[in-house]
N, C-alpha and C. Protein backbone atom coordinates (compact mmCIF):
# COMPACT_ATOMS: atom_id res chain seq x y z
N SER A 1 6.58 -55.56 16.67
CA SER A 1 5.78 -54.58 16.86
C SER A 1 6.92 -53.48 17.38
N GLU A 2 7.88 -53.36 17.62
CA GLU A 2 8.54 -52.34 17.54
C GLU A 2 8.92 -52.18 16.09
N GLN A 3 9.09 -52.95 14.98
CA GLN A 3 9.05 -52.39 13.09
C GLN A 3 7.91 -51.47 13.44
N LEU A 4 6.94 -51.84 13.81
CA LEU A 4 5.38 -51.14 13.54
C LEU A 4 5.31 -50.18 13.96
N LEU A 5 5.57 -49.53 15.31
CA LEU A 5 5.78 -48.32 16.00
C LEU A 5 6.66 -47.76 15.52
N SER A 6 7.87 -48.01 15.08
CA SER A 6 9.29 -46.85 14.60
C SER A 6 8.02 -46.71 13.18
N GLN A 7 7.67 -47.75 12.13
CA GLN A 7 7.14 -46.88 10.69
C GLN A 7 6.10 -45.88 10.94
N LEU A 8 5.29 -46.29 12.08
CA LEU A 8 4.14 -45.43 12.20
C LEU A 8 4.61 -43.88 12.73
N MET A 9 5.82 -44.26 13.32
CA MET A 9 6.05 -42.73 14.14
C MET A 9 6.53 -42.22 12.41
N THR A 10 7.92 -42.45 11.98
CA THR A 10 8.12 -41.98 10.78
C THR A 10 7.39 -41.71 9.81
N GLU A 11 5.93 -42.51 9.71
CA GLU A 11 4.72 -42.52 8.89
C GLU A 11 4.14 -40.89 9.27
N GLU A 12 4.19 -40.88 10.61
CA GLU A 12 3.44 -39.74 11.22
C GLU A 12 4.19 -38.68 11.08
N SER A 13 5.58 -38.50 11.01
CA SER A 13 6.30 -37.23 11.08
C SER A 13 6.18 -36.73 9.37
N THR A 14 6.84 -37.41 8.40
CA THR A 14 6.62 -37.23 7.32
C THR A 14 5.14 -36.65 6.65
N TYR A 15 4.01 -37.01 7.46
CA TYR A 15 2.75 -36.62 7.34
C TYR A 15 2.35 -35.22 7.92
N LYS A 16 3.42 -35.00 9.14
CA LYS A 16 3.26 -33.54 9.64
C LYS A 16 3.96 -32.62 8.64
N LYS A 17 4.95 -33.22 7.70
CA LYS A 17 5.90 -32.31 7.42
C LYS A 17 5.19 -32.30 6.07
N ASN A 18 4.92 -32.70 5.80
CA ASN A 18 3.84 -32.80 4.19
C ASN A 18 2.89 -31.85 4.69
N LYS A 19 1.79 -31.70 5.47
CA LYS A 19 0.63 -30.71 5.97
C LYS A 19 1.16 -29.35 6.21
N GLU A 20 2.53 -29.37 6.93
CA GLU A 20 2.98 -28.06 6.95
C GLU A 20 3.44 -27.51 5.85
N ALA A 21 3.98 -28.24 4.85
CA ALA A 21 4.52 -27.67 3.47
C ALA A 21 3.18 -26.92 2.75
N GLU A 22 2.25 -27.75 2.65
CA GLU A 22 0.84 -27.46 2.02
C GLU A 22 0.35 -26.47 2.47
N LYS A 23 0.56 -26.17 4.02
CA LYS A 23 -0.18 -25.24 4.93
C LYS A 23 0.72 -23.89 4.47
N THR A 24 1.78 -23.94 4.07
CA THR A 24 3.21 -22.65 3.74
C THR A 24 2.79 -22.32 2.39
N THR A 25 2.41 -23.57 1.17
CA THR A 25 2.19 -23.18 0.47
C THR A 25 0.70 -22.43 0.01
N ARG A 26 -0.22 -22.90 0.93
CA ARG A 26 -1.49 -22.20 0.79
C ARG A 26 -1.57 -20.64 1.44
N LYS A 27 -0.82 -20.85 2.63
CA LYS A 27 -0.77 -19.33 2.47
C LYS A 27 0.04 -18.39 2.00
N GLN A 28 1.38 -18.70 1.34
CA GLN A 28 1.80 -17.80 0.06
C GLN A 28 0.81 -17.70 -1.27
N ALA A 29 0.03 -18.29 -1.13
CA ALA A 29 -0.94 -18.40 -2.48
C ALA A 29 -1.71 -17.43 -1.95
N GLU A 30 -2.40 -17.59 -0.85
CA GLU A 30 -3.22 -16.34 -0.37
C GLU A 30 -2.53 -14.80 -0.13
N ASP A 31 -1.54 -14.84 0.63
CA ASP A 31 -0.86 -13.73 0.61
C ASP A 31 -0.74 -12.69 -0.49
N PHE A 32 -0.19 -13.73 -1.82
CA PHE A 32 -0.26 -13.26 -3.20
C PHE A 32 -1.20 -12.77 -3.71
N GLN A 33 -2.40 -13.55 -3.31
CA GLN A 33 -3.93 -13.17 -4.28
C GLN A 33 -4.23 -12.20 -3.62
N ASN A 34 -4.01 -11.65 -2.16
CA ASN A 34 -4.72 -10.42 -1.21
C ASN A 34 -3.64 -9.46 -1.73
N GLU A 35 -2.26 -9.33 -2.26
CA GLU A 35 -1.56 -8.31 -2.39
C GLU A 35 -1.79 -8.23 -4.46
N MET A 36 -1.92 -9.05 -4.91
CA MET A 36 -2.24 -8.61 -6.81
C MET A 36 -3.32 -8.80 -6.76
N GLY A 37 -4.11 -9.59 -6.39
CA GLY A 37 -5.55 -9.43 -6.88
C GLY A 37 -6.29 -8.06 -7.02
N SER A 38 -7.44 -8.22 -7.83
CA SER A 38 -7.53 -7.46 -8.58
C SER A 38 -8.73 -6.54 -7.29
N TYR A 39 -8.99 -6.75 -6.34
CA TYR A 39 -9.78 -6.47 -5.30
C TYR A 39 -8.30 -5.29 -4.45
N ALA A 40 -7.36 -5.93 -4.56
CA ALA A 40 -6.10 -5.44 -4.07
C ALA A 40 -5.84 -4.31 -4.60
N LYS A 41 -5.72 -4.29 -6.08
CA LYS A 41 -5.79 -3.09 -7.07
C LYS A 41 -7.04 -2.26 -6.80
N GLU A 42 -7.45 -2.53 -6.59
CA GLU A 42 -8.66 -1.43 -6.67
C GLU A 42 -8.71 -0.62 -5.10
N LYS A 43 -8.37 -1.59 -4.18
CA LYS A 43 -8.64 -0.30 -2.97
C LYS A 43 -6.90 -0.03 -3.03
N LYS A 44 -5.75 -0.02 -4.11
CA LYS A 44 -5.09 0.77 -3.73
C LYS A 44 -4.89 1.74 -4.74
N ILE A 45 -5.83 1.98 -5.32
CA ILE A 45 -6.07 2.88 -6.45
C ILE A 45 -7.24 4.00 -5.74
N ALA A 46 -7.74 3.46 -5.21
CA ALA A 46 -8.92 4.26 -4.23
C ALA A 46 -8.12 5.02 -3.07
N ALA A 47 -6.85 4.73 -2.85
CA ALA A 47 -6.59 4.92 -1.45
C ALA A 47 -5.61 6.49 -2.35
N TYR A 48 -4.70 5.82 -3.10
CA TYR A 48 -3.99 7.22 -4.08
C TYR A 48 -5.03 8.15 -4.60
N ILE A 49 -6.33 7.92 -4.90
CA ILE A 49 -7.25 9.05 -5.12
C ILE A 49 -7.89 9.51 -4.43
N ARG A 50 -8.12 9.16 -2.76
CA ARG A 50 -8.21 9.73 -1.73
C ARG A 50 -7.04 10.67 -1.38
N LYS A 51 -6.04 10.13 -1.36
CA LYS A 51 -4.71 10.74 -0.65
C LYS A 51 -4.85 12.43 -2.05
N MET A 52 -4.89 12.19 -3.41
CA MET A 52 -4.32 13.09 -4.05
C MET A 52 -5.63 14.07 -4.36
N THR A 53 -6.98 13.98 -3.93
CA THR A 53 -8.13 14.87 -3.70
C THR A 53 -8.05 15.99 -2.66
N ILE A 54 -8.65 16.77 -2.89
CA ILE A 54 -8.80 18.02 -1.72
C ILE A 54 -9.99 17.29 -0.55
N GLY A 55 -10.79 16.67 -0.98
CA GLY A 55 -12.11 15.96 -0.56
C GLY A 55 -12.03 15.04 0.48
N ASN A 56 -10.61 14.28 -0.05
CA ASN A 56 -10.41 12.90 0.35
C ASN A 56 -11.43 11.99 -0.08
N VAL A 57 -11.89 11.86 -1.33
CA VAL A 57 -13.00 10.99 -1.73
C VAL A 57 -12.08 10.07 -2.87
N ASP A 58 -12.82 8.66 -2.85
CA ASP A 58 -12.41 7.94 -4.24
C ASP A 58 -12.90 8.18 -4.92
N VAL A 59 -14.08 8.53 -5.21
CA VAL A 59 -14.59 8.64 -6.45
C VAL A 59 -15.24 10.22 -7.02
N LEU A 60 -14.78 10.68 -7.94
CA LEU A 60 -14.86 12.02 -8.22
C LEU A 60 -16.03 12.38 -8.66
N ASP A 61 -16.79 11.66 -9.52
CA ASP A 61 -18.11 11.89 -10.07
C ASP A 61 -18.88 10.93 -9.97
N PRO A 62 -19.58 10.13 -9.00
CA PRO A 62 -20.43 8.93 -9.06
C PRO A 62 -21.49 8.80 -9.79
N THR A 63 -22.44 10.07 -9.99
CA THR A 63 -23.74 10.25 -10.55
C THR A 63 -23.80 10.48 -12.12
N GLY A 64 -22.05 10.84 -12.60
CA GLY A 64 -22.20 10.94 -13.98
C GLY A 64 -22.66 12.81 -14.17
N THR A 65 -22.92 13.72 -13.74
CA THR A 65 -24.07 14.61 -13.75
C THR A 65 -22.76 15.91 -14.04
N ALA A 66 -21.61 16.06 -13.47
CA ALA A 66 -20.81 17.11 -13.45
C ALA A 66 -20.59 16.81 -15.56
N LEU A 67 -20.73 18.16 -15.84
CA LEU A 67 -20.32 18.54 -17.57
C LEU A 67 -18.75 18.13 -17.56
N ARG A 68 -18.06 18.72 -16.78
CA ARG A 68 -16.34 19.00 -16.72
C ARG A 68 -15.72 18.93 -15.11
N ILE A 69 -14.70 18.30 -14.96
CA ILE A 69 -14.16 17.83 -13.98
C ILE A 69 -12.62 18.41 -14.02
N ASP A 70 -12.31 19.45 -13.70
CA ASP A 70 -11.49 19.87 -13.70
C ASP A 70 -10.01 19.76 -12.78
N PRO A 71 -9.14 19.36 -13.45
CA PRO A 71 -8.12 18.92 -11.79
C PRO A 71 -7.64 19.59 -10.95
N SER A 72 -7.40 20.86 -11.57
CA SER A 72 -6.90 22.48 -10.67
C SER A 72 -8.37 22.49 -9.53
N LYS A 73 -9.64 22.25 -9.42
CA LYS A 73 -10.41 22.12 -8.46
C LYS A 73 -10.59 20.99 -7.81
N ILE A 74 -10.04 20.14 -7.86
CA ILE A 74 -9.82 18.78 -7.52
C ILE A 74 -8.81 18.26 -6.50
N THR A 75 -7.61 18.78 -7.27
CA THR A 75 -6.40 18.19 -6.60
C THR A 75 -5.64 19.46 -6.12
N VAL A 76 -4.29 19.39 -5.39
CA VAL A 76 -3.62 20.93 -4.85
C VAL A 76 -2.27 20.33 -6.06
N GLN A 77 -1.99 21.32 -6.89
CA GLN A 77 -0.78 21.42 -7.54
C GLN A 77 0.05 22.29 -7.53
N LYS A 78 1.48 22.32 -7.42
CA LYS A 78 2.61 23.13 -7.28
C LYS A 78 2.30 24.03 -8.31
N THR A 79 2.33 25.30 -8.19
CA THR A 79 2.33 26.44 -9.18
C THR A 79 3.94 26.83 -9.59
N HIS A 80 4.03 28.10 -10.27
CA HIS A 80 4.94 28.79 -10.34
C HIS A 80 4.87 29.81 -8.92
N ALA A 81 3.63 30.01 -8.66
CA ALA A 81 3.69 30.78 -7.43
C ALA A 81 4.14 30.29 -6.13
N PHE A 82 4.22 28.88 -6.27
CA PHE A 82 5.27 28.15 -4.60
C PHE A 82 6.56 28.84 -5.16
N GLY A 83 7.44 28.93 -6.18
CA GLY A 83 8.67 29.15 -5.75
C GLY A 83 8.98 30.76 -5.64
N LEU A 84 7.91 31.88 -5.88
CA LEU A 84 7.93 32.95 -5.74
C LEU A 84 7.27 33.54 -4.32
N GLY A 85 6.97 32.39 -3.70
CA GLY A 85 6.48 32.77 -2.10
C GLY A 85 5.42 33.21 -2.17
N ARG A 86 4.39 33.24 -3.38
CA ARG A 86 3.20 33.67 -3.29
C ARG A 86 2.09 32.39 -3.26
N ALA A 87 2.40 31.37 -2.63
CA ALA A 87 1.78 29.98 -2.68
C ALA A 87 0.95 29.88 -1.64
N PRO A 88 -0.65 29.33 -2.22
CA PRO A 88 -1.71 29.31 -1.00
C PRO A 88 -1.14 28.34 0.45
N PRO A 89 -1.55 28.50 1.23
CA PRO A 89 -1.38 27.77 2.07
C PRO A 89 -1.81 26.33 1.88
N SER A 90 -2.91 25.81 1.29
CA SER A 90 -3.13 24.51 0.97
C SER A 90 -1.80 24.16 0.25
N GLU A 91 -1.65 24.55 -0.82
CA GLU A 91 -0.24 24.59 -1.61
C GLU A 91 1.30 23.92 -0.79
N ILE A 92 1.28 24.70 -0.09
CA ILE A 92 2.26 25.00 1.09
C ILE A 92 2.38 23.86 1.94
N ASN A 93 1.03 23.54 2.51
CA ASN A 93 0.73 22.19 3.36
C ASN A 93 0.91 21.28 2.91
N LYS A 94 0.64 20.94 1.62
CA LYS A 94 0.54 19.71 0.60
C LYS A 94 2.49 19.35 0.53
N VAL A 95 3.18 20.13 -0.02
CA VAL A 95 4.60 20.58 0.10
C VAL A 95 5.35 19.82 1.03
N ASP A 96 4.44 20.64 2.11
CA ASP A 96 5.49 19.78 3.69
C ASP A 96 5.08 18.34 4.27
N ARG A 97 3.67 17.72 3.73
CA ARG A 97 3.33 16.94 3.85
C ARG A 97 3.80 15.71 2.89
N ASP A 98 4.35 16.15 1.57
CA ASP A 98 4.93 15.26 0.72
C ASP A 98 6.88 15.02 1.41
N LEU A 99 7.32 16.25 1.94
CA LEU A 99 8.57 16.37 2.50
C LEU A 99 8.62 15.45 3.90
N SER A 100 7.84 15.56 4.22
CA SER A 100 8.00 14.54 5.61
C SER A 100 7.61 13.50 5.49
N VAL A 101 7.34 13.08 4.15
CA VAL A 101 6.96 11.55 4.30
C VAL A 101 8.44 11.23 3.81
N THR A 102 8.99 11.58 2.57
CA THR A 102 10.11 11.30 1.94
C THR A 102 11.11 11.52 2.88
N THR A 103 11.14 12.55 3.67
CA THR A 103 12.31 12.39 5.11
C THR A 103 12.35 11.22 5.81
N ARG A 104 10.81 10.81 6.21
CA ARG A 104 10.74 9.60 7.10
C ARG A 104 11.26 8.45 6.21
N LEU A 105 10.83 8.17 5.21
CA LEU A 105 11.18 7.35 4.50
C LEU A 105 12.71 6.85 4.21
N LEU A 106 13.18 8.11 3.71
CA LEU A 106 15.36 8.23 3.75
C LEU A 106 15.54 7.98 4.87
N GLU A 107 15.13 8.49 6.42
CA GLU A 107 15.23 7.58 7.62
C GLU A 107 15.51 6.34 7.72
N LYS A 108 14.30 5.82 7.11
CA LYS A 108 14.25 4.20 7.45
C LYS A 108 15.67 3.68 6.62
N ARG A 109 15.74 4.03 5.52
CA ARG A 109 16.59 3.35 4.59
C ARG A 109 18.19 3.59 4.92
N ARG A 110 18.34 4.66 5.57
CA ARG A 110 19.66 5.11 5.51
C ARG A 110 20.02 5.27 7.67
N PRO A 111 21.31 4.31 7.49
CA PRO A 111 21.55 4.44 8.99
C PRO A 111 22.46 6.01 9.24
N HIS A 112 21.66 6.48 10.52
CA HIS A 112 22.10 8.16 10.69
C HIS A 112 23.51 8.03 11.14
N ARG A 113 23.99 8.98 10.49
CA ARG A 113 25.48 9.10 11.01
C ARG A 113 25.58 9.97 11.74
N ALA A 114 26.99 9.79 12.27
CA ALA A 114 27.31 10.81 13.94
C ALA A 114 28.58 11.60 12.81
N ASP A 115 28.15 12.74 12.90
CA ASP A 115 29.42 13.44 12.22
C ASP A 115 30.40 13.93 13.69
């Protein structure tokens, strides 16, 4: 009876370990699919387009009626006027946003040195 009880306990512990291993494997596969699946890629692309366009839209011409889509009309790009001090406010704001994001990323990666 004691042998049977000890055998049942060992079987139960191995069963639990196997279930935990299956659960972690399933979770890893699910996370991978969420990160690398086609839906995730489309979502990342849409977020990038939203970030880069002036109107914050992810579809530039959903109806297909535009004869021509000029990049200069839907995005803000740095021109030579930026270096000459004649840039429009939208261009300056975009550069400020990009610099602030870069600064935050650098602060996270590098420890602050006390000089």
